[in-house]
Amino acid sequence: MTEEAGQGLKSLDTALGVLAFMARCDGPMTLTDIARSCAMPPSKLHRYLSSFVSAGLVKQEGRSGRYDLGPEAMQLGLASIARHDFVNTTADGLPELTLQTGMTALLAVWANDEAIVVRWQRGISPTVTSIGLGSSMPLLTSATGRVFLAYGSDIATRKARDRELRRAARKPSLLPDIPATGAGLDSLRDRIRDEGYARVDGDFIPGLVAAAAPIIDWQGEAQAVVTLVGVAPETVRPDAPEIATLLNFCRTCSVVRAPSAATGSSRRVRVAT
């Protein structure tokens, strides 16, 4: 029986599932290991792999016989990277995000040693704030900046981090929730990566609260950050529906799931002196 186009092709779904599994693996695997992981008879899997090898999507190592992704799979990945526009793709969804949460939403990217707001979407109840399109957000005292601290490139954020940390060490009131030390930033980063988002309250922005989450690229780093701004403290608590909506939105716009403190790379802060 011919499979209906609207329902997809089961054999193709199976084949793509094998390729997706191989993409998640750290390196070459034997046919037996792939078959076991994909719950597929080795003889059936071998037919799929043979087709993949012919198409260049998979290669087989001569001596070990293990299978790995091939050159055509690499070309697909590179093409996807070249065509993926994190900023515009995410910005297109901001109006719906504000409708679902009732909060103002902003999109920021890291450029010239600071977080820059590149999109601004007012919520149902406009929030009175001086923040707007083109505003720069501090790394250590804004929800937006803190997400870049936790998920951004350590090399890219180092200059701003060391500068702001020295300032906070001289005036601890600037950083009221953590010690102004490298260890304090390590603790903050781990907390953000555990929860998947950063939040700040009125201690940082009088009269306002904010919560931010990352848009993650293929390297597990933040390409952009989405922030919700409002006035009600309960909207930025971990169990708030607004936070669940924000995290789901950012996962949808990301290409991989945001790494946690337990599973992600361990990066410790080196403070310039």
C-alpha atoms as a PDB file:
ATOM      1  CA  MET A   1       0.000   0.000   0.000  1.00  0.00           C
ATOM      2  CA  THR A   2       1.301   3.439  -0.908  1.00  0.00           C
ATOM      3  CA  GLU A   3       1.796   5.675   2.100  1.00  0.00           C
ATOM      4  CA  GLU A   4      -0.160   8.924   1.951  1.00  0.00           C
ATOM      5  CA  ALA A   5       1.928  12.044   1.500  1.00  0.00           C
ATOM      6  CA  GLY A   6       0.070  13.842   4.285  1.00  0.00           C
ATOM      7  CA  GLN A   7       1.077  11.156   6.732  1.00  0.00           C
ATOM      8  CA  GLY A   8       4.707  11.041   5.653  1.00  0.00           C
ATOM      9  CA  LEU A   9       6.725   8.008   4.687  1.00  0.00           C
ATOM     10  CA  LYS A  10       7.371   5.648   7.573  1.00  0.00           C
ATOM     11  CA  SER A  11      10.528   4.283   6.005  1.00  0.00           C
ATOM     12  CA  LEU A  12      11.864   7.803   5.515  1.00  0.00           C
ATOM     13  CA  ASP A  13      10.934   8.725   9.093  1.00  0.00           C
ATOM     14  CA  THR A  14      12.916   5.705  10.251  1.00  0.00           C
ATOM     15  CA  ALA A  15      15.893   6.625   8.092  1.00  0.00           C
ATOM     16  CA  LEU A  16      15.904  10.211   9.339  1.00  0.00           C
ATOM     17  CA  GLY A  17      15.674   8.931  12.898  1.00  0.00           C
ATOM     18  CA  VAL A  18      18.877   6.941  12.368  1.00  0.00           C
ATOM     19  CA  LEU A  19      20.663   9.990  10.966  1.00  0.00           C
ATOM     20  CA  ALA A  20      19.424  12.157  13.837  1.00  0.00           C
ATOM     21  CA  PHE A  21      20.738   9.614  16.329  1.00  0.00           C
ATOM     22  CA  MET A  22      24.138   9.509  14.642  1.00  0.00           C
ATOM     23  CA  ALA A  23      24.262  13.339  14.708  1.00  0.00           C
ATOM     24  CA  ARG A  24      23.817  13.266  18.484  1.00  0.00           C
ATOM     25  CA  CYS A  25      26.631  10.764  19.000  1.00  0.00           C
ATOM     26  CA  ASP A  26      30.157  11.861  19.876  1.00  0.00           C
ATOM     27  CA  GLY A  27      31.843   9.816  17.161  1.00  0.00           C
ATOM     28  CA  PRO A  28      31.838   6.653  15.015  1.00  0.00           C
ATOM     29  CA  MET A  29      29.786   3.645  16.162  1.00  0.00           C
ATOM     30  CA  THR A  30      29.474   0.029  15.175  1.00  0.00           C
ATOM     31  CA  LEU A  31      26.459  -1.268  13.320  1.00  0.00           C
ATOM     32  CA  THR A  32      25.510  -3.308  16.383  1.00  0.00           C
ATOM     33  CA  ASP A  33      25.592  -0.304  18.702  1.00  0.00           C
ATOM     34  CA  ILE A  34      23.531   1.826  16.323  1.00  0.00           C
ATOM     35  CA  ALA A  35      21.000  -0.971  15.838  1.00  0.00           C
ATOM     36  CA  ARG A  36      20.653  -1.468  19.581  1.00  0.00           C
ATOM     37  CA  SER A  37      20.218   2.240  20.241  1.00  0.00           C
ATOM     38  CA  CYS A  38      17.669   2.626  17.439  1.00  0.00           C
ATOM     39  CA  ALA A  39      15.818  -0.575  18.370  1.00  0.00           C
ATOM     40  CA  MET A  40      16.271  -1.931  14.857  1.00  0.00           C
ATOM     41  CA  PRO A  41      17.409  -5.326  13.542  1.00  0.00           C
ATOM     42  CA  PRO A  42      21.034  -5.089  12.330  1.00  0.00           C
ATOM     43  CA  SER A  43      20.120  -6.480   8.900  1.00  0.00           C
ATOM     44  CA  LYS A  44      17.518  -3.753   8.375  1.00  0.00           C
ATOM     45  CA  LEU A  45      19.840  -1.046   9.664  1.00  0.00           C
ATOM     46  CA  HIS A  46      22.595  -2.232   7.325  1.00  0.00           C
ATOM     47  CA  ARG A  47      20.356  -1.530   4.325  1.00  0.00           C
ATOM     48  CA  TYR A  48      19.726   2.010   5.518  1.00  0.00           C
ATOM     49  CA  LEU A  49      23.399   2.616   6.198  1.00  0.00           C
ATOM     50  CA  SER A  50      24.376   1.288   2.770  1.00  0.00           C
ATOM     51  CA  SER A  51      22.029   3.820   1.157  1.00  0.00           C
ATOM     52  CA  PHE A  52      23.432   6.586   3.338  1.00  0.00           C
ATOM     53  CA  VAL A  53      26.981   5.643   2.351  1.00  0.00           C
ATOM     54  CA  SER A  54      26.042   5.731  -1.338  1.00  0.00           C
ATOM     55  CA  ALA A  55      24.570   9.214  -0.870  1.00  0.00           C
ATOM     56  CA  GLY A  56      27.590  10.442   1.066  1.00  0.00           C
ATOM     57  CA  LEU A  57      25.538  11.094   4.195  1.00  0.00           C
ATOM     58  CA  VAL A  58      27.418   8.386   6.100  1.00  0.00           C
ATOM     59  CA  LYS A  59      30.943   7.021   5.792  1.00  0.00           C
ATOM     60  CA  GLN A  60      32.357   3.709   6.975  1.00  0.00           C
ATOM     61  CA  GLU A  61      35.847   3.537   8.391  1.00  0.00           C
ATOM     62  CA  GLY A  62      37.869   0.905   6.558  1.00  0.00           C
ATOM     63  CA  ARG A  63      39.789  -0.681   9.432  1.00  0.00           C
ATOM     64  CA  SER A  64      37.237  -0.598  12.238  1.00  0.00           C
ATOM     65  CA  GLY A  65      34.104  -0.777  10.118  1.00  0.00           C
ATOM     66  CA  ARG A  66      32.456   1.863  12.292  1.00  0.00           C
ATOM     67  CA  TYR A  67      29.969   4.301  10.821  1.00  0.00           C
ATOM     68  CA  ASP A  68      30.020   8.081  11.114  1.00  0.00           C
ATOM     69  CA  LEU A  69      28.425  11.065   9.378  1.00  0.00           C
ATOM     70  CA  GLY A  70      29.783  11.671   5.892  1.00  0.00           C
ATOM     71  CA  PRO A  71      30.730  14.731   3.816  1.00  0.00           C
ATOM     72  CA  GLU A  72      27.219  15.342   2.473  1.00  0.00           C
ATOM     73  CA  ALA A  73      25.868  15.460   6.027  1.00  0.00           C
ATOM     74  CA  MET A  74      28.485  18.115   6.744  1.00  0.00           C
ATOM     75  CA  GLN A  75      27.348  20.105   3.719  1.00  0.00           C
ATOM     76  CA  LEU A  76      23.763  19.985   4.950  1.00  0.00           C
ATOM     77  CA  GLY A  77      24.853  21.223   8.361  1.00  0.00           C
ATOM     78  CA  LEU A  78      26.926  24.061   6.930  1.00  0.00           C
ATOM     79  CA  ALA A  79      24.100  25.114   4.645  1.00  0.00           C
ATOM     80  CA  SER A  80      21.686  25.154   7.559  1.00  0.00           C
ATOM     81  CA  ILE A  81      24.066  27.269   9.630  1.00  0.00           C
ATOM     82  CA  ALA A  82      24.555  29.741   6.777  1.00  0.00           C
ATOM     83  CA  ARG A  83      20.823  30.169   6.268  1.00  0.00           C
ATOM     84  CA  HIS A  84      19.713  30.328   9.891  1.00  0.00           C
ATOM     85  CA  ASP A  85      18.904  33.859  11.030  1.00  0.00           C
ATOM     86  CA  PHE A  86      18.562  33.749  14.809  1.00  0.00           C
ATOM     87  CA  VAL A  87      17.625  37.403  15.201  1.00  0.00           C
ATOM     88  CA  ASN A  88      14.874  37.708  12.598  1.00  0.00           C
ATOM     89  CA  THR A  89      13.469  34.248  13.304  1.00  0.00           C
ATOM     90  CA  THR A  90      13.169  35.070  16.989  1.00  0.00           C
ATOM     91  CA  ALA A  91      11.938  38.623  16.411  1.00  0.00           C
ATOM     92  CA  ASP A  92       9.065  37.318  14.286  1.00  0.00           C
ATOM     93  CA  GLY A  93       7.730  35.485  17.333  1.00  0.00           C
ATOM     94  CA  LEU A  94       7.925  38.360  19.835  1.00  0.00           C
ATOM     95  CA  PRO A  95       4.391  39.712  19.188  1.00  0.00           C
ATOM     96  CA  GLU A  96       2.878  36.327  20.027  1.00  0.00           C
ATOM     97  CA  LEU A  97       5.121  36.030  23.100  1.00  0.00           C
ATOM     98  CA  THR A  98       3.859  39.350  24.435  1.00  0.00           C
ATOM     99  CA  LEU A  99       0.260  38.316  23.795  1.00  0.00           C
ATOM    100  CA  GLN A 100       0.756  35.064  25.697  1.00  0.00           C
ATOM    101  CA  THR A 101       2.519  36.646  28.675  1.00  0.00           C
ATOM    102  CA  GLY A 102       1.148  40.180  28.749  1.00  0.00           C
ATOM    103  CA  MET A 103       4.697  41.416  29.321  1.00  0.00           C
ATOM    104  CA  THR A 104       6.982  43.598  27.234  1.00  0.00           C
ATOM    105  CA  ALA A 105       9.594  41.559  25.329  1.00  0.00           C
ATOM    106  CA  LEU A 106      12.987  42.539  24.030  1.00  0.00           C
ATOM    107  CA  LEU A 107      15.616  40.769  21.957  1.00  0.00           C
ATOM    108  CA  ALA A 108      19.312  41.451  22.523  1.00  0.00           C
ATOM    109  CA  VAL A 109      22.559  40.387  20.870  1.00  0.00           C
ATOM    110  CA  TRP A 110      26.131  40.657  22.098  1.00  0.00           C
ATOM    111  CA  ALA A 111      28.148  43.229  20.146  1.00  0.00           C
ATOM    112  CA  ASN A 112      31.046  45.562  20.922  1.00  0.00           C
ATOM    113  CA  ASP A 113      31.494  44.153  24.444  1.00  0.00           C
ATOM    114  CA  GLU A 114      27.885  44.730  25.502  1.00  0.00           C
ATOM    115  CA  ALA A 115      24.355  43.412  25.192  1.00  0.00           C
ATOM    116  CA  ILE A 116      22.431  45.557  22.696  1.00  0.00           C
ATOM    117  CA  VAL A 117      18.626  45.605  22.387  1.00  0.00           C
ATOM    118  CA  VAL A 118      17.805  45.062  18.698  1.00  0.00           C
ATOM    119  CA  ARG A 119      14.045  44.378  18.936  1.00  0.00           C
ATOM    120  CA  TRP A 120      11.435  45.775  21.314  1.00  0.00           C
ATOM    121  CA  GLN A 121       7.838  44.556  21.555  1.00  0.00           C
ATOM    122  CA  ARG A 122       5.504  46.336  23.958  1.00  0.00           C
ATOM    123  CA  GLY A 123       3.146  44.213  26.009  1.00  0.00           C
ATOM    124  CA  ILE A 124      -0.600  44.600  26.486  1.00  0.00           C
ATOM    125  CA  SER A 125       0.122  46.921  29.408  1.00  0.00           C
ATOM    126  CA  PRO A 126       3.044  49.120  28.280  1.00  0.00           C
ATOM    127  CA  THR A 127       5.910  49.166  30.760  1.00  0.00           C
ATOM    128  CA  VAL A 128       7.320  52.565  31.615  1.00  0.00           C
ATOM    129  CA  THR A 129      11.091  52.296  31.299  1.00  0.00           C
ATOM    130  CA  SER A 130      14.020  54.097  29.721  1.00  0.00           C
ATOM    131  CA  ILE A 131      15.112  50.848  28.078  1.00  0.00           C
ATOM    132  CA  GLY A 132      14.400  50.759  24.361  1.00  0.00           C
ATOM    133  CA  LEU A 133      15.708  49.878  20.941  1.00  0.00           C
ATOM    134  CA  GLY A 134      19.480  50.310  20.883  1.00  0.00           C
ATOM    135  CA  SER A 135      19.871  50.326  24.669  1.00  0.00           C
ATOM    136  CA  SER A 136      22.883  48.548  26.117  1.00  0.00           C
ATOM    137  CA  MET A 137      22.311  46.219  29.068  1.00  0.00           C
ATOM    138  CA  PRO A 138      24.890  45.646  31.816  1.00  0.00           C
ATOM    139  CA  LEU A 139      26.357  42.171  31.998  1.00  0.00           C
ATOM    140  CA  LEU A 140      26.118  41.544  35.737  1.00  0.00           C
ATOM    141  CA  THR A 141      23.077  43.532  36.850  1.00  0.00           C
ATOM    142  CA  SER A 142      20.509  42.864  34.111  1.00  0.00           C
ATOM    143  CA  ALA A 143      18.657  39.640  33.359  1.00  0.00           C
ATOM    144  CA  THR A 144      19.705  40.002  29.721  1.00  0.00           C
ATOM    145  CA  GLY A 145      23.381  40.432  30.548  1.00  0.00           C
ATOM    146  CA  ARG A 146      23.375  37.591  33.033  1.00  0.00           C
ATOM    147  CA  VAL A 147      22.154  35.165  30.397  1.00  0.00           C
ATOM    148  CA  PHE A 148      25.049  36.199  28.168  1.00  0.00           C
ATOM    149  CA  LEU A 149      27.332  35.643  31.178  1.00  0.00           C
ATOM    150  CA  ALA A 150      25.984  32.108  31.640  1.00  0.00           C
ATOM    151  CA  TYR A 151      25.564  31.053  28.017  1.00  0.00           C
ATOM    152  CA  GLY A 152      27.698  33.430  25.957  1.00  0.00           C
ATOM    153  CA  SER A 153      31.271  33.089  24.805  1.00  0.00           C
ATOM    154  CA  ASP A 154      33.628  33.518  27.738  1.00  0.00           C
ATOM    155  CA  ILE A 155      36.142  35.279  25.499  1.00  0.00           C
ATOM    156  CA  ALA A 156      33.528  37.717  24.192  1.00  0.00           C
ATOM    157  CA  THR A 157      32.166  38.682  27.621  1.00  0.00           C
ATOM    158  CA  ARG A 158      35.455  38.716  29.551  1.00  0.00           C
ATOM    159  CA  LYS A 159      36.220  42.414  29.118  1.00  0.00           C
ATOM    160  CA  ALA A 160      32.792  43.587  30.291  1.00  0.00           C
ATOM    161  CA  ARG A 161      32.716  41.006  33.072  1.00  0.00           C
ATOM    162  CA  ASP A 162      36.053  42.029  34.557  1.00  0.00           C
ATOM    163  CA  ARG A 163      35.228  45.734  34.249  1.00  0.00           C
ATOM    164  CA  GLU A 164      31.846  45.424  35.973  1.00  0.00           C
ATOM    165  CA  LEU A 165      33.173  43.050  38.609  1.00  0.00           C
ATOM    166  CA  ARG A 166      35.920  45.487  39.603  1.00  0.00           C
ATOM    167  CA  ARG A 167      33.325  48.236  39.877  1.00  0.00           C
ATOM    168  CA  ALA A 168      31.069  46.049  42.046  1.00  0.00           C
ATOM    169  CA  ALA A 169      33.996  45.062  44.263  1.00  0.00           C
ATOM    170  CA  ARG A 170      34.515  48.757  45.018  1.00  0.00           C
ATOM    171  CA  LYS A 171      30.778  49.308  45.559  1.00  0.00           C
ATOM    172  CA  PRO A 172      29.105  46.026  46.680  1.00  0.00           C
ATOM    173  CA  SER A 173      25.620  47.591  46.618  1.00  0.00           C
ATOM    174  CA  LEU A 174      25.772  47.359  42.816  1.00  0.00           C
ATOM    175  CA  LEU A 175      25.609  43.559  43.091  1.00  0.00           C
ATOM    176  CA  PRO A 176      23.284  42.921  46.063  1.00  0.00           C
ATOM    177  CA  ASP A 177      22.466  39.257  45.494  1.00  0.00           C
ATOM    178  CA  ILE A 178      25.954  37.714  45.114  1.00  0.00           C
ATOM    179  CA  PRO A 179      29.514  38.405  46.299  1.00  0.00           C
ATOM    180  CA  ALA A 180      31.479  40.578  43.863  1.00  0.00           C
ATOM    181  CA  THR A 181      34.046  37.823  43.311  1.00  0.00           C
ATOM    182  CA  GLY A 182      34.878  35.203  40.724  1.00  0.00           C
ATOM    183  CA  ALA A 183      33.353  32.563  43.012  1.00  0.00           C
ATOM    184  CA  GLY A 184      30.203  34.650  43.272  1.00  0.00           C
ATOM    185  CA  LEU A 185      29.878  34.769  39.482  1.00  0.00           C
ATOM    186  CA  ASP A 186      30.486  31.020  39.262  1.00  0.00           C
ATOM    187  CA  SER A 187      27.582  30.476  41.652  1.00  0.00           C
ATOM    188  CA  LEU A 188      25.376  32.866  39.670  1.00  0.00           C
ATOM    189  CA  ARG A 189      26.227  31.173  36.373  1.00  0.00           C
ATOM    190  CA  ASP A 190      25.480  27.718  37.769  1.00  0.00           C
ATOM    191  CA  ARG A 191      22.113  28.892  39.120  1.00  0.00           C
ATOM    192  CA  ILE A 192      21.112  30.396  35.795  1.00  0.00           C
ATOM    193  CA  ARG A 193      22.122  27.288  33.880  1.00  0.00           C
ATOM    194  CA  ASP A 194      20.251  25.076  36.356  1.00  0.00           C
ATOM    195  CA  GLU A 195      17.049  27.112  35.989  1.00  0.00           C
ATOM    196  CA  GLY A 196      17.509  27.877  32.291  1.00  0.00           C
ATOM    197  CA  TYR A 197      16.897  31.599  32.722  1.00  0.00           C
ATOM    198  CA  ALA A 198      17.974  34.677  34.699  1.00  0.00           C
ATOM    199  CA  ARG A 199      15.751  37.039  36.651  1.00  0.00           C
ATOM    200  CA  VAL A 200      16.187  40.355  38.409  1.00  0.00           C
ATOM    201  CA  ASP A 201      13.796  42.300  40.621  1.00  0.00           C
ATOM    202  CA  GLY A 202      13.324  45.827  41.850  1.00  0.00           C
ATOM    203  CA  ASP A 203      16.744  45.855  43.514  1.00  0.00           C
ATOM    204  CA  PHE A 204      18.175  46.332  40.025  1.00  0.00           C
ATOM    205  CA  ILE A 205      15.339  48.085  38.159  1.00  0.00           C
ATOM    206  CA  PRO A 206      13.141  50.131  40.529  1.00  0.00           C
ATOM    207  CA  GLY A 207       9.509  49.184  40.000  1.00  0.00           C
ATOM    208  CA  LEU A 208      10.236  46.526  37.385  1.00  0.00           C
ATOM    209  CA  VAL A 209      11.102  42.838  37.155  1.00  0.00           C
ATOM    210  CA  ALA A 210      12.702  41.006  34.267  1.00  0.00           C
ATOM    211  CA  ALA A 211      13.388  37.435  33.164  1.00  0.00           C
ATOM    212  CA  ALA A 212      15.638  36.396  30.280  1.00  0.00           C
ATOM    213  CA  ALA A 213      16.489  33.152  28.473  1.00  0.00           C
ATOM    214  CA  PRO A 214      18.967  32.253  25.711  1.00  0.00           C
ATOM    215  CA  ILE A 215      18.588  31.430  22.041  1.00  0.00           C
ATOM    216  CA  ILE A 216      21.180  28.661  21.711  1.00  0.00           C
ATOM    217  CA  ASP A 217      23.260  27.897  18.628  1.00  0.00           C
ATOM    218  CA  TRP A 218      25.025  24.729  17.436  1.00  0.00           C
ATOM    219  CA  GLN A 219      27.918  25.304  19.845  1.00  0.00           C
ATOM    220  CA  GLY A 220      25.666  25.526  22.888  1.00  0.00           C
ATOM    221  CA  GLU A 221      26.195  29.290  23.214  1.00  0.00           C
ATOM    222  CA  ALA A 222      23.723  32.178  23.256  1.00  0.00           C
ATOM    223  CA  GLN A 223      23.348  33.819  19.857  1.00  0.00           C
ATOM    224  CA  ALA A 224      20.687  36.109  21.302  1.00  0.00           C
ATOM    225  CA  VAL A 225      18.687  36.621  24.489  1.00  0.00           C
ATOM    226  CA  VAL A 226      14.947  37.164  24.909  1.00  0.00           C
ATOM    227  CA  THR A 227      13.852  39.148  27.959  1.00  0.00           C
ATOM    228  CA  LEU A 228      10.406  39.715  29.449  1.00  0.00           C
ATOM    229  CA  VAL A 229       9.895  42.923  31.431  1.00  0.00           C
ATOM    230  CA  GLY A 230       6.975  43.600  33.764  1.00  0.00           C
ATOM    231  CA  VAL A 231       5.930  44.927  37.158  1.00  0.00           C
ATOM    232  CA  ALA A 232       4.637  41.867  39.034  1.00  0.00           C
ATOM    233  CA  PRO A 233       7.308  39.887  40.966  1.00  0.00           C
ATOM    234  CA  GLU A 234       5.289  36.671  40.705  1.00  0.00           C
ATOM    235  CA  THR A 235       5.693  36.653  36.901  1.00  0.00           C
ATOM    236  CA  VAL A 236       9.421  35.900  37.094  1.00  0.00           C
ATOM    237  CA  ARG A 237       9.324  33.121  39.686  1.00  0.00           C
ATOM    238  CA  PRO A 238      10.407  29.647  38.525  1.00  0.00           C
ATOM    239  CA  ASP A 239       6.863  28.243  38.656  1.00  0.00           C
ATOM    240  CA  ALA A 240       5.245  31.183  36.848  1.00  0.00           C
ATOM    241  CA  PRO A 241       3.391  30.411  33.587  1.00  0.00           C
ATOM    242  CA  GLU A 242       5.174  33.382  32.013  1.00  0.00           C
ATOM    243  CA  ILE A 243       8.520  31.670  32.613  1.00  0.00           C
ATOM    244  CA  ALA A 244       7.286  28.399  31.143  1.00  0.00           C
ATOM    245  CA  THR A 245       6.128  30.308  28.058  1.00  0.00           C
ATOM    246  CA  LEU A 246       9.456  32.145  27.764  1.00  0.00           C
ATOM    247  CA  LEU A 247      11.504  28.957  28.060  1.00  0.00           C
ATOM    248  CA  ASN A 248       9.358  27.117  25.532  1.00  0.00           C
ATOM    249  CA  PHE A 249       9.634  30.046  23.098  1.00  0.00           C
ATOM    250  CA  CYS A 250      13.427  30.138  23.389  1.00  0.00           C
ATOM    251  CA  ARG A 251      13.721  26.369  22.975  1.00  0.00           C
ATOM    252  CA  THR A 252      11.671  26.634  19.785  1.00  0.00           C
ATOM    253  CA  CYS A 253      13.950  29.363  18.407  1.00  0.00           C
ATOM    254  CA  SER A 254      17.151  27.556  19.409  1.00  0.00           C
ATOM    255  CA  VAL A 255      18.852  24.822  17.420  1.00  0.00           C
ATOM    256  CA  VAL A 256      19.907  22.835  20.499  1.00  0.00           C
ATOM    257  CA  ARG A 257      18.660  22.713  24.075  1.00  0.00           C
ATOM    258  CA  ALA A 258      20.397  25.080  26.472  1.00  0.00           C
ATOM    259  CA  PRO A 259      23.087  23.196  28.439  1.00  0.00           C
ATOM    260  CA  SER A 260      22.614  22.984  32.191  1.00  0.00           C
ATOM    261  CA  ALA A 261      25.255  23.430  34.848  1.00  0.00           C
ATOM    262  CA  ALA A 262      25.335  19.650  35.258  1.00  0.00           C
ATOM    263  CA  THR A 263      25.614  18.742  31.571  1.00  0.00           C
ATOM    264  CA  GLY A 264      27.063  21.845  29.985  1.00  0.00           C
ATOM    265  CA  SER A 265      30.661  22.897  29.775  1.00  0.00           C
ATOM    266  CA  SER A 266      32.224  23.977  33.037  1.00  0.00           C
ATOM    267  CA  ARG A 267      33.613  27.480  32.734  1.00  0.00           C
ATOM    268  CA  ARG A 268      35.095  29.226  35.748  1.00  0.00           C
ATOM    269  CA  VAL A 269      35.593  32.927  36.001  1.00  0.00           C
ATOM    270  CA  ARG A 270      39.097  34.330  35.754  1.00  0.00           C
ATOM    271  CA  VAL A 271      39.062  37.843  37.105  1.00  0.00           C
ATOM    272  CA  ALA A 272      41.514  40.351  35.652  1.00  0.00           C
ATOM    273  CA  THR A 273      43.606  42.159  38.231  1.00  0.00           C
END
